[in-house]
Every structure is written in structure tokens, then in C-alpha cells.
Amino acid sequence: MKRSFVSQDTLDEQRRAREEEWRKVHAKEGEAPPMEEAPYDPRPLYEKLQEQKQKKEDAFQEATRLANLVHRLDDDEIDFLQTIQSEEKAREKSKLEQERMELDAFRRFNLIL
């Protein structure tokens, strides 16, 4: 394999030529050219990965933030609410029974007249 020195100007020229070819191809297809290359980031890989990990953790915390605000019912609260519900059903049932009895009495009274 032959090794030779390649100047930065040559590399920049080749990159510009590739970008121009991409633009021509995408212009023919009516699409926008792809995004530019990402800028050089001199940070170590560890720092980049830690940043990505922190972003994911922050997104997860934000997604579960509302779920943590909801109060979970314990057994005593559930029992209390069930008791109240059964009492309400019993009151509703007695009310309906009372209405039925009053309607029957009214109908009997109207039949007599």
C-alpha cells in the first residue's frame, strides 16, 4: 500500500466536491440535502456517554413526574371508600323502594276514585 502525504486543502476540496454532488442529486429529486457533518467535539467518549445517559434519565424523570404525583390508595382507604359506596347504594335502593311504594299508593287511590 502506497502512503503519501495529503494536504488539508486537498481534503477540503474533495469534501466540497462530494457535498456539491450530494446537492445536485438531491436537487434533482426535489429533496433537501442531508444535514452537515456534526462539529468536532473534543470531549472524551466517557463524557459524551455520560451526557447522553443524563439526558435519557432526565427524560424518564419528566415522563414519570406526573405518575409520582398520584397518591396510591392503601387498604384502609379502599375499605372506607367501599363502605361509603355500599351505603350510597343502600340509600339509593331505599329511595327507589319508597318511590315505588308511593306510586302504588297513588295508583290505588286513583282507582278508588
PDB file of N, CA and C in Angstrom:
ATOM      1  N   MET A   1       0.850  -1.159   0.000  1.00  0.00           N
ATOM      2  CA  MET A   1       0.000   0.000   0.000  1.00  0.00           C
ATOM      3  C   MET A   1       0.903   1.231   0.000  1.00  0.00           C
ATOM      4  N   LYS A   2       0.598   2.113  -0.898  1.00  0.00           N
ATOM      5  CA  LYS A   2       1.409   3.309  -1.042  1.00  0.00           C
ATOM      6  C   LYS A   2       0.864   4.407  -0.130  1.00  0.00           C
ATOM      7  N   ARG A   3       1.740   4.991   0.658  1.00  0.00           N
ATOM      8  CA  ARG A   3       1.352   6.072   1.539  1.00  0.00           C
ATOM      9  C   ARG A   3       1.943   7.364   1.004  1.00  0.00           C
ATOM     10  N   SER A   4       1.062   8.369   0.978  1.00  0.00           N
ATOM     11  CA  SER A   4       1.563   9.666   0.538  1.00  0.00           C
ATOM     12  C   SER A   4       0.891  10.751   1.359  1.00  0.00           C
ATOM     13  N   PHE A   5       1.533  11.866   1.418  1.00  0.00           N
ATOM     14  CA  PHE A   5       1.021  12.989   2.170  1.00  0.00           C
ATOM     15  C   PHE A   5      -0.138  13.624   1.412  1.00  0.00           C
ATOM     16  N   VAL A   6      -1.237  13.891   2.144  1.00  0.00           N
ATOM     17  CA  VAL A   6      -2.389  14.565   1.557  1.00  0.00           C
ATOM     18  C   VAL A   6      -2.613  15.836   2.368  1.00  0.00           C
ATOM     19  N   SER A   7      -2.647  16.958   1.676  1.00  0.00           N
ATOM     20  CA  SER A   7      -2.799  18.226   2.391  1.00  0.00           C
ATOM     21  C   SER A   7      -4.259  18.445   2.801  1.00  0.00           C
ATOM     22  N   GLN A   8      -4.430  19.332   3.754  1.00  0.00           N
ATOM     23  CA  GLN A   8      -5.773  19.671   4.213  1.00  0.00           C
ATOM     24  C   GLN A   8      -6.554  20.332   3.090  1.00  0.00           C
ATOM     25  N   ASP A   9      -5.888  21.117   2.259  1.00  0.00           N
ATOM     26  CA  ASP A   9      -6.572  21.762   1.134  1.00  0.00           C
ATOM     27  C   ASP A   9      -7.155  20.724   0.189  1.00  0.00           C
ATOM     28  N   THR A  10      -6.412  19.655  -0.052  1.00  0.00           N
ATOM     29  CA  THR A  10      -6.892  18.596  -0.927  1.00  0.00           C
ATOM     30  C   THR A  10      -8.111  17.914  -0.310  1.00  0.00           C
ATOM     31  N   LEU A  11      -8.049  17.651   0.994  1.00  0.00           N
ATOM     32  CA  LEU A  11      -9.180  17.027   1.678  1.00  0.00           C
ATOM     33  C   LEU A  11     -10.402  17.936   1.649  1.00  0.00           C
ATOM     34  N   ASP A  12     -10.195  19.249   1.889  1.00  0.00           N
ATOM     35  CA  ASP A  12     -11.312  20.189   1.844  1.00  0.00           C
ATOM     36  C   ASP A  12     -11.929  20.251   0.456  1.00  0.00           C
ATOM     37  N   GLU A  13     -11.086  20.217  -0.558  1.00  0.00           N
ATOM     38  CA  GLU A  13     -11.577  20.257  -1.942  1.00  0.00           C
ATOM     39  C   GLU A  13     -12.397  19.001  -2.267  1.00  0.00           C
ATOM     40  N   GLN A  14     -11.918  17.850  -1.823  1.00  0.00           N
ATOM     41  CA  GLN A  14     -12.657  16.604  -2.064  1.00  0.00           C
ATOM     42  C   GLN A  14     -13.998  16.621  -1.315  1.00  0.00           C
ATOM     43  N   ARG A  15     -13.997  17.143  -0.095  1.00  0.00           N
ATOM     44  CA  ARG A  15     -15.227  17.223   0.673  1.00  0.00           C
ATOM     45  C   ARG A  15     -16.219  18.166  -0.002  1.00  0.00           C
ATOM     46  N   ARG A  16     -15.749  19.310  -0.478  1.00  0.00           N
ATOM     47  CA  ARG A  16     -16.633  20.238  -1.184  1.00  0.00           C
ATOM     48  C   ARG A  16     -17.209  19.602  -2.441  1.00  0.00           C
ATOM     49  N   ALA A  17     -16.386  18.829  -3.160  1.00  0.00           N
ATOM     50  CA  ALA A  17     -16.862  18.162  -4.372  1.00  0.00           C
ATOM     51  C   ALA A  17     -17.951  17.147  -4.027  1.00  0.00           C
ATOM     52  N   ARG A  18     -17.749  16.377  -2.952  1.00  0.00           N
ATOM     53  CA  ARG A  18     -18.769  15.409  -2.526  1.00  0.00           C
ATOM     54  C   ARG A  18     -20.062  16.113  -2.138  1.00  0.00           C
ATOM     55  N   GLU A  19     -19.931  17.209  -1.377  1.00  0.00           N
ATOM     56  CA  GLU A  19     -21.112  17.952  -0.974  1.00  0.00           C
ATOM     57  C   GLU A  19     -21.851  18.517  -2.177  1.00  0.00           C
ATOM     58  N   GLU A  20     -21.126  18.990  -3.150  1.00  0.00           N
ATOM     59  CA  GLU A  20     -21.749  19.531  -4.370  1.00  0.00           C
ATOM     60  C   GLU A  20     -22.489  18.427  -5.126  1.00  0.00           C
ATOM     61  N   GLU A  21     -21.888  17.243  -5.196  1.00  0.00           N
ATOM     62  CA  GLU A  21     -22.555  16.116  -5.855  1.00  0.00           C
ATOM     63  C   GLU A  21     -23.853  15.763  -5.106  1.00  0.00           C
ATOM     64  N   TRP A  22     -23.789  15.734  -3.778  1.00  0.00           N
ATOM     65  CA  TRP A  22     -24.982  15.450  -2.984  1.00  0.00           C
ATOM     66  C   TRP A  22     -26.072  16.477  -3.260  1.00  0.00           C
ATOM     67  N   ARG A  23     -25.692  17.734  -3.285  1.00  0.00           N
ATOM     68  CA  ARG A  23     -26.680  18.789  -3.529  1.00  0.00           C
ATOM     69  C   ARG A  23     -27.321  18.627  -4.904  1.00  0.00           C
ATOM     70  N   LYS A  24     -26.510  18.304  -5.921  1.00  0.00           N
ATOM     71  CA  LYS A  24     -27.060  18.127  -7.273  1.00  0.00           C
ATOM     72  C   LYS A  24     -28.045  16.957  -7.296  1.00  0.00           C
ATOM     73  N   VAL A  25     -27.672  15.846  -6.684  1.00  0.00           N
ATOM     74  CA  VAL A  25     -28.539  14.665  -6.674  1.00  0.00           C
ATOM     75  C   VAL A  25     -29.844  14.966  -5.947  1.00  0.00           C
ATOM     76  N   HIS A  26     -29.756  15.604  -4.806  1.00  0.00           N
ATOM     77  CA  HIS A  26     -30.964  15.907  -4.037  1.00  0.00           C
ATOM     78  C   HIS A  26     -31.797  16.993  -4.700  1.00  0.00           C
ATOM     79  N   ALA A  27     -31.163  17.903  -5.411  1.00  0.00           N
ATOM     80  CA  ALA A  27     -31.912  18.943  -6.122  1.00  0.00           C
ATOM     81  C   ALA A  27     -32.731  18.315  -7.243  1.00  0.00           C
ATOM     82  N   LYS A  28     -32.189  17.302  -7.900  1.00  0.00           N
ATOM     83  CA  LYS A  28     -32.918  16.622  -8.965  1.00  0.00           C
ATOM     84  C   LYS A  28     -34.131  15.874  -8.394  1.00  0.00           C
ATOM     85  N   GLU A  29     -33.969  15.307  -7.223  1.00  0.00           N
ATOM     86  CA  GLU A  29     -35.053  14.537  -6.600  1.00  0.00           C
ATOM     87  C   GLU A  29     -36.032  15.435  -5.852  1.00  0.00           C
ATOM     88  N   GLY A  30     -35.726  16.707  -5.708  1.00  0.00           N
ATOM     89  CA  GLY A  30     -36.619  17.632  -5.031  1.00  0.00           C
ATOM     90  C   GLY A  30     -36.573  17.524  -3.518  1.00  0.00           C
ATOM     91  N   GLU A  31     -35.523  16.954  -2.976  1.00  0.00           N
ATOM     92  CA  GLU A  31     -35.365  16.801  -1.542  1.00  0.00           C
ATOM     93  C   GLU A  31     -34.345  17.797  -1.016  1.00  0.00           C
ATOM     94  N   ALA A  32     -34.393  18.006   0.277  1.00  0.00           N
ATOM     95  CA  ALA A  32     -33.384  18.855   0.898  1.00  0.00           C
ATOM     96  C   ALA A  32     -32.115  18.036   1.086  1.00  0.00           C
ATOM     97  N   PRO A  33     -30.954  18.655   0.931  1.00  0.00           N
ATOM     98  CA  PRO A  33     -29.712  17.909   1.142  1.00  0.00           C
ATOM     99  C   PRO A  33     -29.580  17.492   2.603  1.00  0.00           C
ATOM    100  N   PRO A  34     -28.820  16.439   2.854  1.00  0.00           N
ATOM    101  CA  PRO A  34     -28.677  15.976   4.234  1.00  0.00           C
ATOM    102  C   PRO A  34     -27.972  17.016   5.091  1.00  0.00           C
ATOM    103  N   MET A  35     -28.110  16.851   6.392  1.00  0.00           N
ATOM    104  CA  MET A  35     -27.506  17.787   7.329  1.00  0.00           C
ATOM    105  C   MET A  35     -25.985  17.759   7.202  1.00  0.00           C
ATOM    106  N   GLU A  36     -25.387  18.871   7.566  1.00  0.00           N
ATOM    107  CA  GLU A  36     -23.937  18.960   7.571  1.00  0.00           C
ATOM    108  C   GLU A  36     -23.375  17.988   8.599  1.00  0.00           C
ATOM    109  N   GLU A  37     -22.093  17.717   8.480  1.00  0.00           N
ATOM    110  CA  GLU A  37     -21.450  16.852   9.451  1.00  0.00           C
ATOM    111  C   GLU A  37     -21.486  17.524  10.818  1.00  0.00           C
ATOM    112  N   ALA A  38     -21.546  16.727  11.853  1.00  0.00           N
ATOM    113  CA  ALA A  38     -21.570  17.266  13.206  1.00  0.00           C
ATOM    114  C   ALA A  38     -20.232  17.933  13.499  1.00  0.00           C
ATOM    115  N   PRO A  39     -20.270  19.033  14.222  1.00  0.00           N
ATOM    116  CA  PRO A  39     -18.999  19.696  14.546  1.00  0.00           C
ATOM    117  C   PRO A  39     -18.146  18.813  15.450  1.00  0.00           C
ATOM    118  N   TYR A  40     -16.861  19.028  15.389  1.00  0.00           N
ATOM    119  CA  TYR A  40     -15.918  18.235  16.175  1.00  0.00           C
ATOM    120  C   TYR A  40     -16.111  18.519  17.654  1.00  0.00           C
ATOM    121  N   ASP A  41     -16.223  17.462  18.432  1.00  0.00           N
ATOM    122  CA  ASP A  41     -16.396  17.584  19.870  1.00  0.00           C
ATOM    123  C   ASP A  41     -15.156  16.997  20.536  1.00  0.00           C
ATOM    124  N   PRO A  42     -14.324  17.824  21.159  1.00  0.00           N
ATOM    125  CA  PRO A  42     -13.057  17.329  21.706  1.00  0.00           C
ATOM    126  C   PRO A  42     -13.190  16.582  23.036  1.00  0.00           C
ATOM    127  N   ARG A  43     -14.404  16.452  23.577  1.00  0.00           N
ATOM    128  CA  ARG A  43     -14.570  15.784  24.868  1.00  0.00           C
ATOM    129  C   ARG A  43     -14.285  14.286  24.735  1.00  0.00           C
ATOM    130  N   PRO A  44     -13.870  13.663  25.817  1.00  0.00           N
ATOM    131  CA  PRO A  44     -13.664  12.212  25.792  1.00  0.00           C
ATOM    132  C   PRO A  44     -15.003  11.480  25.630  1.00  0.00           C
ATOM    133  N   LEU A  45     -14.922  10.266  25.148  1.00  0.00           N
ATOM    134  CA  LEU A  45     -16.112   9.460  24.919  1.00  0.00           C
ATOM    135  C   LEU A  45     -16.901   9.269  26.208  1.00  0.00           C
ATOM    136  N   TYR A  46     -16.212   9.113  27.330  1.00  0.00           N
ATOM    137  CA  TYR A  46     -16.880   8.926  28.614  1.00  0.00           C
ATOM    138  C   TYR A  46     -17.812  10.095  28.911  1.00  0.00           C
ATOM    139  N   GLU A  47     -17.337  11.315  28.708  1.00  0.00           N
ATOM    140  CA  GLU A  47     -18.162  12.494  28.973  1.00  0.00           C
ATOM    141  C   GLU A  47     -19.362  12.554  28.038  1.00  0.00           C
ATOM    142  N   LYS A  48     -19.173  12.199  26.787  1.00  0.00           N
ATOM    143  CA  LYS A  48     -20.282  12.202  25.824  1.00  0.00           C
ATOM    144  C   LYS A  48     -21.347  11.180  26.229  1.00  0.00           C
ATOM    145  N   LEU A  49     -20.879   9.993  26.626  1.00  0.00           N
ATOM    146  CA  LEU A  49     -21.824   8.955  27.042  1.00  0.00           C
ATOM    147  C   LEU A  49     -22.541   9.333  28.328  1.00  0.00           C
ATOM    148  N   GLN A  50     -21.833   9.961  29.258  1.00  0.00           N
ATOM    149  CA  GLN A  50     -22.464  10.411  30.499  1.00  0.00           C
ATOM    150  C   GLN A  50     -23.534  11.456  30.199  1.00  0.00           C
ATOM    151  N   GLU A  51     -23.252  12.347  29.255  1.00  0.00           N
ATOM    152  CA  GLU A  51     -24.237  13.368  28.888  1.00  0.00           C
ATOM    153  C   GLU A  51     -25.488  12.718  28.301  1.00  0.00           C
ATOM    154  N   GLN A  52     -25.300  11.742  27.400  1.00  0.00           N
ATOM    155  CA  GLN A  52     -26.447  11.047  26.819  1.00  0.00           C
ATOM    156  C   GLN A  52     -27.233  10.303  27.890  1.00  0.00           C
ATOM    157  N   LYS A  53     -26.525   9.678  28.812  1.00  0.00           N
ATOM    158  CA  LYS A  53     -27.179   8.951  29.895  1.00  0.00           C
ATOM    159  C   LYS A  53     -27.989   9.914  30.752  1.00  0.00           C
ATOM    160  N   GLN A  54     -27.432  11.074  31.063  1.00  0.00           N
ATOM    161  CA  GLN A  54     -28.131  12.066  31.878  1.00  0.00           C
ATOM    162  C   GLN A  54     -29.364  12.585  31.145  1.00  0.00           C
ATOM    163  N   LYS A  55     -29.261  12.805  29.834  1.00  0.00           N
ATOM    164  CA  LYS A  55     -30.419  13.263  29.054  1.00  0.00           C
ATOM    165  C   LYS A  55     -31.532  12.227  29.091  1.00  0.00           C
ATOM    166  N   LYS A  56     -31.187  10.957  28.928  1.00  0.00           N
ATOM    167  CA  LYS A  56     -32.192   9.894  28.979  1.00  0.00           C
ATOM    168  C   LYS A  56     -32.835   9.810  30.356  1.00  0.00           C
ATOM    169  N   GLU A  57     -32.020   9.935  31.393  1.00  0.00           N
ATOM    170  CA  GLU A  57     -32.559   9.875  32.749  1.00  0.00           C
ATOM    171  C   GLU A  57     -33.481  11.062  33.022  1.00  0.00           C
ATOM    172  N   ASP A  58     -33.094  12.247  32.551  1.00  0.00           N
ATOM    173  CA  ASP A  58     -33.946  13.429  32.729  1.00  0.00           C
ATOM    174  C   ASP A  58     -35.277  13.256  31.989  1.00  0.00           C
ATOM    175  N   ALA A  59     -35.228  12.705  30.782  1.00  0.00           N
ATOM    176  CA  ALA A  59     -36.455  12.472  30.019  1.00  0.00           C
ATOM    177  C   ALA A  59     -37.344  11.466  30.745  1.00  0.00           C
ATOM    178  N   PHE A  60     -36.756  10.430  31.304  1.00  0.00           N
ATOM    179  CA  PHE A  60     -37.533   9.432  32.047  1.00  0.00           C
ATOM    180  C   PHE A  60     -38.155  10.060  33.288  1.00  0.00           C
ATOM    181  N   GLN A  61     -37.384  10.858  34.012  1.00  0.00           N
ATOM    182  CA  GLN A  61     -37.900  11.527  35.209  1.00  0.00           C
ATOM    183  C   GLN A  61     -39.060  12.451  34.859  1.00  0.00           C
ATOM    184  N   GLU A  62     -38.941  13.159  33.747  1.00  0.00           N
ATOM    185  CA  GLU A  62     -40.011  14.060  33.312  1.00  0.00           C
ATOM    186  C   GLU A  62     -41.263  13.261  32.950  1.00  0.00           C
ATOM    187  N   ALA A  63     -41.067  12.115  32.299  1.00  0.00           N
ATOM    188  CA  ALA A  63     -42.211  11.293  31.882  1.00  0.00           C
ATOM    189  C   ALA A  63     -42.920  10.690  33.093  1.00  0.00           C
ATOM    190  N   THR A  64     -42.170  10.351  34.129  1.00  0.00           N
ATOM    191  CA  THR A  64     -42.778   9.722  35.295  1.00  0.00           C
ATOM    192  C   THR A  64     -43.105  10.723  36.399  1.00  0.00           C
ATOM    193  N   ARG A  65     -42.847  11.991  36.182  1.00  0.00           N
ATOM    194  CA  ARG A  65     -43.088  13.017  37.196  1.00  0.00           C
ATOM    195  C   ARG A  65     -44.559  13.046  37.596  1.00  0.00           C
ATOM    196  N   LEU A  66     -45.450  13.036  36.620  1.00  0.00           N
ATOM    197  CA  LEU A  66     -46.877  13.086  36.920  1.00  0.00           C
ATOM    198  C   LEU A  66     -47.356  11.807  37.596  1.00  0.00           C
ATOM    199  N   ALA A  67     -46.764  10.690  37.231  1.00  0.00           N
ATOM    200  CA  ALA A  67     -47.160   9.428  37.852  1.00  0.00           C
ATOM    201  C   ALA A  67     -46.795   9.430  39.332  1.00  0.00           C
ATOM    202  N   ASN A  68     -45.726  10.116  39.685  1.00  0.00           N
ATOM    203  CA  ASN A  68     -45.321  10.167  41.096  1.00  0.00           C
ATOM    204  C   ASN A  68     -46.212  11.092  41.908  1.00  0.00           C
ATOM    205  N   LEU A  69     -46.924  11.991  41.257  1.00  0.00           N
ATOM    206  CA  LEU A  69     -47.802  12.905  41.972  1.00  0.00           C
ATOM    207  C   LEU A  69     -49.113  12.242  42.373  1.00  0.00           C
ATOM    208  N   VAL A  70     -49.468  11.154  41.734  1.00  0.00           N
ATOM    209  CA  VAL A  70     -50.724  10.463  42.019  1.00  0.00           C
ATOM    210  C   VAL A  70     -50.577   9.684  43.320  1.00  0.00           C
ATOM    211  N   HIS A  71     -51.525   9.893  44.237  1.00  0.00           N
ATOM    212  CA  HIS A  71     -51.494   9.201  45.520  1.00  0.00           C
ATOM    213  C   HIS A  71     -52.101   7.810  45.372  1.00  0.00           C
ATOM    214  N   ARG A  72     -51.369   6.827  45.773  1.00  0.00           N
ATOM    215  CA  ARG A  72     -51.868   5.456  45.732  1.00  0.00           C
ATOM    216  C   ARG A  72     -52.712   5.208  46.984  1.00  0.00           C
ATOM    217  N   LEU A  73     -53.831   4.513  46.826  1.00  0.00           N
ATOM    218  CA  LEU A  73     -54.713   4.212  47.955  1.00  0.00           C
ATOM    219  C   LEU A  73     -54.194   3.008  48.723  1.00  0.00           C
ATOM    220  N   ASP A  74     -54.229   3.114  50.041  1.00  0.00           N
ATOM    221  CA  ASP A  74     -53.860   1.954  50.845  1.00  0.00           C
ATOM    222  C   ASP A  74     -55.130   1.166  51.186  1.00  0.00           C
ATOM    223  N   ASP A  75     -54.982   0.055  51.881  1.00  0.00           N
ATOM    224  CA  ASP A  75     -56.116  -0.848  52.161  1.00  0.00           C
ATOM    225  C   ASP A  75     -57.203  -0.175  52.999  1.00  0.00           C
ATOM    226  N   ASP A  76     -56.799   0.621  53.989  1.00  0.00           N
ATOM    227  CA  ASP A  76     -57.794   1.304  54.828  1.00  0.00           C
ATOM    228  C   ASP A  76     -58.636   2.274  54.010  1.00  0.00           C
ATOM    229  N   GLU A  77     -57.993   3.015  53.130  1.00  0.00           N
ATOM    230  CA  GLU A  77     -58.724   3.967  52.290  1.00  0.00           C
ATOM    231  C   GLU A  77     -59.676   3.251  51.341  1.00  0.00           C
ATOM    232  N   ILE A  78     -59.228   2.131  50.806  1.00  0.00           N
ATOM    233  CA  ILE A  78     -60.079   1.344  49.906  1.00  0.00           C
ATOM    234  C   ILE A  78     -61.306   0.827  50.653  1.00  0.00           C
ATOM    235  N   ASP A  79     -61.084   0.297  51.852  1.00  0.00           N
ATOM    236  CA  ASP A  79     -62.209  -0.190  52.663  1.00  0.00           C
ATOM    237  C   ASP A  79     -63.198   0.930  52.964  1.00  0.00           C
ATOM    238  N   PHE A  80     -62.681   2.099  53.345  1.00  0.00           N
ATOM    239  CA  PHE A  80     -63.536   3.242  53.648  1.00  0.00           C
ATOM    240  C   PHE A  80     -64.376   3.639  52.440  1.00  0.00           C
ATOM    241  N   LEU A  81     -63.735   3.728  51.275  1.00  0.00           N
ATOM    242  CA  LEU A  81     -64.462   4.119  50.065  1.00  0.00           C
ATOM    243  C   LEU A  81     -65.494   3.073  49.668  1.00  0.00           C
ATOM    244  N   GLN A  82     -65.181   1.799  49.853  1.00  0.00           N
ATOM    245  CA  GLN A  82     -66.155   0.748  49.556  1.00  0.00           C
ATOM    246  C   GLN A  82     -67.347   0.822  50.506  1.00  0.00           C
ATOM    247  N   THR A  83     -67.097   1.143  51.765  1.00  0.00           N
ATOM    248  CA  THR A  83     -68.177   1.296  52.737  1.00  0.00           C
ATOM    249  C   THR A  83     -69.098   2.444  52.328  1.00  0.00           C
ATOM    250  N   ILE A  84     -68.507   3.559  51.984  1.00  0.00           N
ATOM    251  CA  ILE A  84     -69.298   4.710  51.547  1.00  0.00           C
ATOM    252  C   ILE A  84     -70.110   4.357  50.305  1.00  0.00           C
ATOM    253  N   GLN A  85     -69.502   3.647  49.367  1.00  0.00           N
ATOM    254  CA  GLN A  85     -70.204   3.264  48.138  1.00  0.00           C
ATOM    255  C   GLN A  85     -71.373   2.327  48.450  1.00  0.00           C
ATOM    256  N   SER A  86     -71.166   1.366  49.331  1.00  0.00           N
ATOM    257  CA  SER A  86     -72.261   0.438  49.661  1.00  0.00           C
ATOM    258  C   SER A  86     -73.386   1.168  50.396  1.00  0.00           C
ATOM    259  N   GLU A  87     -73.046   2.123  51.281  1.00  0.00           N
ATOM    260  CA  GLU A  87     -74.075   2.909  51.960  1.00  0.00           C
ATOM    261  C   GLU A  87     -74.869   3.743  50.962  1.00  0.00           C
ATOM    262  N   GLU A  88     -74.159   4.313  49.988  1.00  0.00           N
ATOM    263  CA  GLU A  88     -74.847   5.120  48.966  1.00  0.00           C
ATOM    264  C   GLU A  88     -75.787   4.252  48.138  1.00  0.00           C
ATOM    265  N   LYS A  89     -75.346   3.048  47.800  1.00  0.00           N
ATOM    266  CA  LYS A  89     -76.209   2.129  47.050  1.00  0.00           C
ATOM    267  C   LYS A  89     -77.441   1.756  47.873  1.00  0.00           C
ATOM    268  N   ALA A  90     -77.245   1.525  49.175  1.00  0.00           N
ATOM    269  CA  ALA A  90     -78.373   1.167  50.051  1.00  0.00           C
ATOM    270  C   ALA A  90     -79.357   2.329  50.138  1.00  0.00           C
ATOM    271  N   ARG A  91     -78.854   3.574  50.263  1.00  0.00           N
ATOM    272  CA  ARG A  91     -79.742   4.735  50.296  1.00  0.00           C
ATOM    273  C   ARG A  91     -80.513   4.876  48.989  1.00  0.00           C
ATOM    274  N   GLU A  92     -79.821   4.677  47.880  1.00  0.00           N
ATOM    275  CA  GLU A  92     -80.478   4.781  46.561  1.00  0.00           C
ATOM    276  C   GLU A  92     -81.550   3.700  46.420  1.00  0.00           C
ATOM    277  N   LYS A  93     -81.239   2.490  46.880  1.00  0.00           N
ATOM    278  CA  LYS A  93     -82.204   1.395  46.797  1.00  0.00           C
ATOM    279  C   LYS A  93     -83.434   1.683  47.659  1.00  0.00           C
ATOM    280  N   SER A  94     -83.218   2.206  48.869  1.00  0.00           N
ATOM    281  CA  SER A  94     -84.365   2.516  49.735  1.00  0.00           C
ATOM    282  C   SER A  94     -85.183   3.666  49.159  1.00  0.00           C
ATOM    283  N   LYS A  95     -84.511   4.616  48.539  1.00  0.00           N
ATOM    284  CA  LYS A  95     -85.220   5.731  47.905  1.00  0.00           C
ATOM    285  C   LYS A  95     -86.095   5.222  46.762  1.00  0.00           C
ATOM    286  N   LEU A  96     -85.553   4.343  45.924  1.00  0.00           N
ATOM    287  CA  LEU A  96     -86.339   3.773  44.826  1.00  0.00           C
ATOM    288  C   LEU A  96     -87.514   2.951  45.361  1.00  0.00           C
ATOM    289  N   GLU A  97     -87.287   2.212  46.429  1.00  0.00           N
ATOM    290  CA  GLU A  97     -88.357   1.415  47.034  1.00  0.00           C
ATOM    291  C   GLU A  97     -89.459   2.323  47.583  1.00  0.00           C
ATOM    292  N   GLN A  98     -89.060   3.413  48.248  1.00  0.00           N
ATOM    293  CA  GLN A  98     -90.026   4.380  48.777  1.00  0.00           C
ATOM    294  C   GLN A  98     -90.851   4.988  47.640  1.00  0.00           C
ATOM    295  N   GLU A  99     -90.185   5.378  46.545  1.00  0.00           N
ATOM    296  CA  GLU A  99     -90.900   5.945  45.389  1.00  0.00           C
ATOM    297  C   GLU A  99     -91.880   4.935  44.813  1.00  0.00           C
ATOM    298  N   ARG A 100     -91.467   3.673  44.724  1.00  0.00           N
ATOM    299  CA  ARG A 100     -92.344   2.627  44.187  1.00  0.00           C
ATOM    300  C   ARG A 100     -93.575   2.446  45.084  1.00  0.00           C
ATOM    301  N   MET A 101     -93.358   2.466  46.376  1.00  0.00           N
ATOM    302  CA  MET A 101     -94.483   2.308  47.301  1.00  0.00           C
ATOM    303  C   MET A 101     -95.443   3.504  47.189  1.00  0.00           C
ATOM    304  N   GLU A 102     -94.906   4.705  47.084  1.00  0.00           N
ATOM    305  CA  GLU A 102     -95.754   5.888  46.963  1.00  0.00           C
ATOM    306  C   GLU A 102     -96.527   5.874  45.648  1.00  0.00           C
ATOM    307  N   LEU A 103     -95.897   5.437  44.560  1.00  0.00           N
ATOM    308  CA  LEU A 103     -96.598   5.328  43.273  1.00  0.00           C
ATOM    309  C   LEU A 103     -97.714   4.295  43.344  1.00  0.00           C
ATOM    310  N   ASP A 104     -97.458   3.168  43.989  1.00  0.00           N
ATOM    311  CA  ASP A 104     -98.503   2.144  44.146  1.00  0.00           C
ATOM    312  C   ASP A 104     -99.686   2.707  44.947  1.00  0.00           C
ATOM    313  N   ALA A 105     -99.368   3.443  46.029  1.00  0.00           N
ATOM    314  CA  ALA A 105    -100.436   4.035  46.845  1.00  0.00           C
ATOM    315  C   ALA A 105    -101.222   5.055  46.026  1.00  0.00           C
ATOM    316  N   PHE A 106    -100.539   5.855  45.244  1.00  0.00           N
ATOM    317  CA  PHE A 106    -101.200   6.853  44.407  1.00  0.00           C
ATOM    318  C   PHE A 106    -102.114   6.186  43.384  1.00  0.00           C
ATOM    319  N   ARG A 107    -101.636   5.111  42.753  1.00  0.00           N
ATOM    320  CA  ARG A 107    -102.436   4.403  41.756  1.00  0.00           C
ATOM    321  C   ARG A 107    -103.675   3.777  42.408  1.00  0.00           C
ATOM    322  N   ARG A 108    -103.496   3.197  43.600  1.00  0.00           N
ATOM    323  CA  ARG A 108    -104.631   2.602  44.290  1.00  0.00           C
ATOM    324  C   ARG A 108    -105.655   3.667  44.676  1.00  0.00           C
ATOM    325  N   PHE A 109    -105.166   4.809  45.082  1.00  0.00           N
ATOM    326  CA  PHE A 109    -106.054   5.888  45.458  1.00  0.00           C
ATOM    327  C   PHE A 109    -106.848   6.381  44.245  1.00  0.00           C
ATOM    328  N   ASN A 110    -106.173   6.496  43.078  1.00  0.00           N
ATOM    329  CA  ASN A 110    -106.852   6.940  41.846  1.00  0.00           C
ATOM    330  C   ASN A 110    -107.829   5.896  41.349  1.00  0.00           C
ATOM    331  N   LEU A 111    -107.589   4.629  41.592  1.00  0.00           N
ATOM    332  CA  LEU A 111    -108.534   3.585  41.175  1.00  0.00           C
ATOM    333  C   LEU A 111    -109.812   3.643  42.020  1.00  0.00           C
ATOM    334  N   ILE A 112    -109.648   4.017  43.254  1.00  0.00           N
ATOM    335  CA  ILE A 112    -110.820   4.089  44.137  1.00  0.00           C
ATOM    336  C   ILE A 112    -111.723   5.216  43.718  1.00  0.00           C
ATOM    337  N   LEU A 113    -111.157   6.310  43.292  1.00  0.00           N
ATOM    338  CA  LEU A 113    -111.961   7.460  42.889  1.00  0.00           C
ATOM    339  C   LEU A 113    -112.565   7.168  41.559  1.00  0.00           C
TER     340      LEU A 113
END
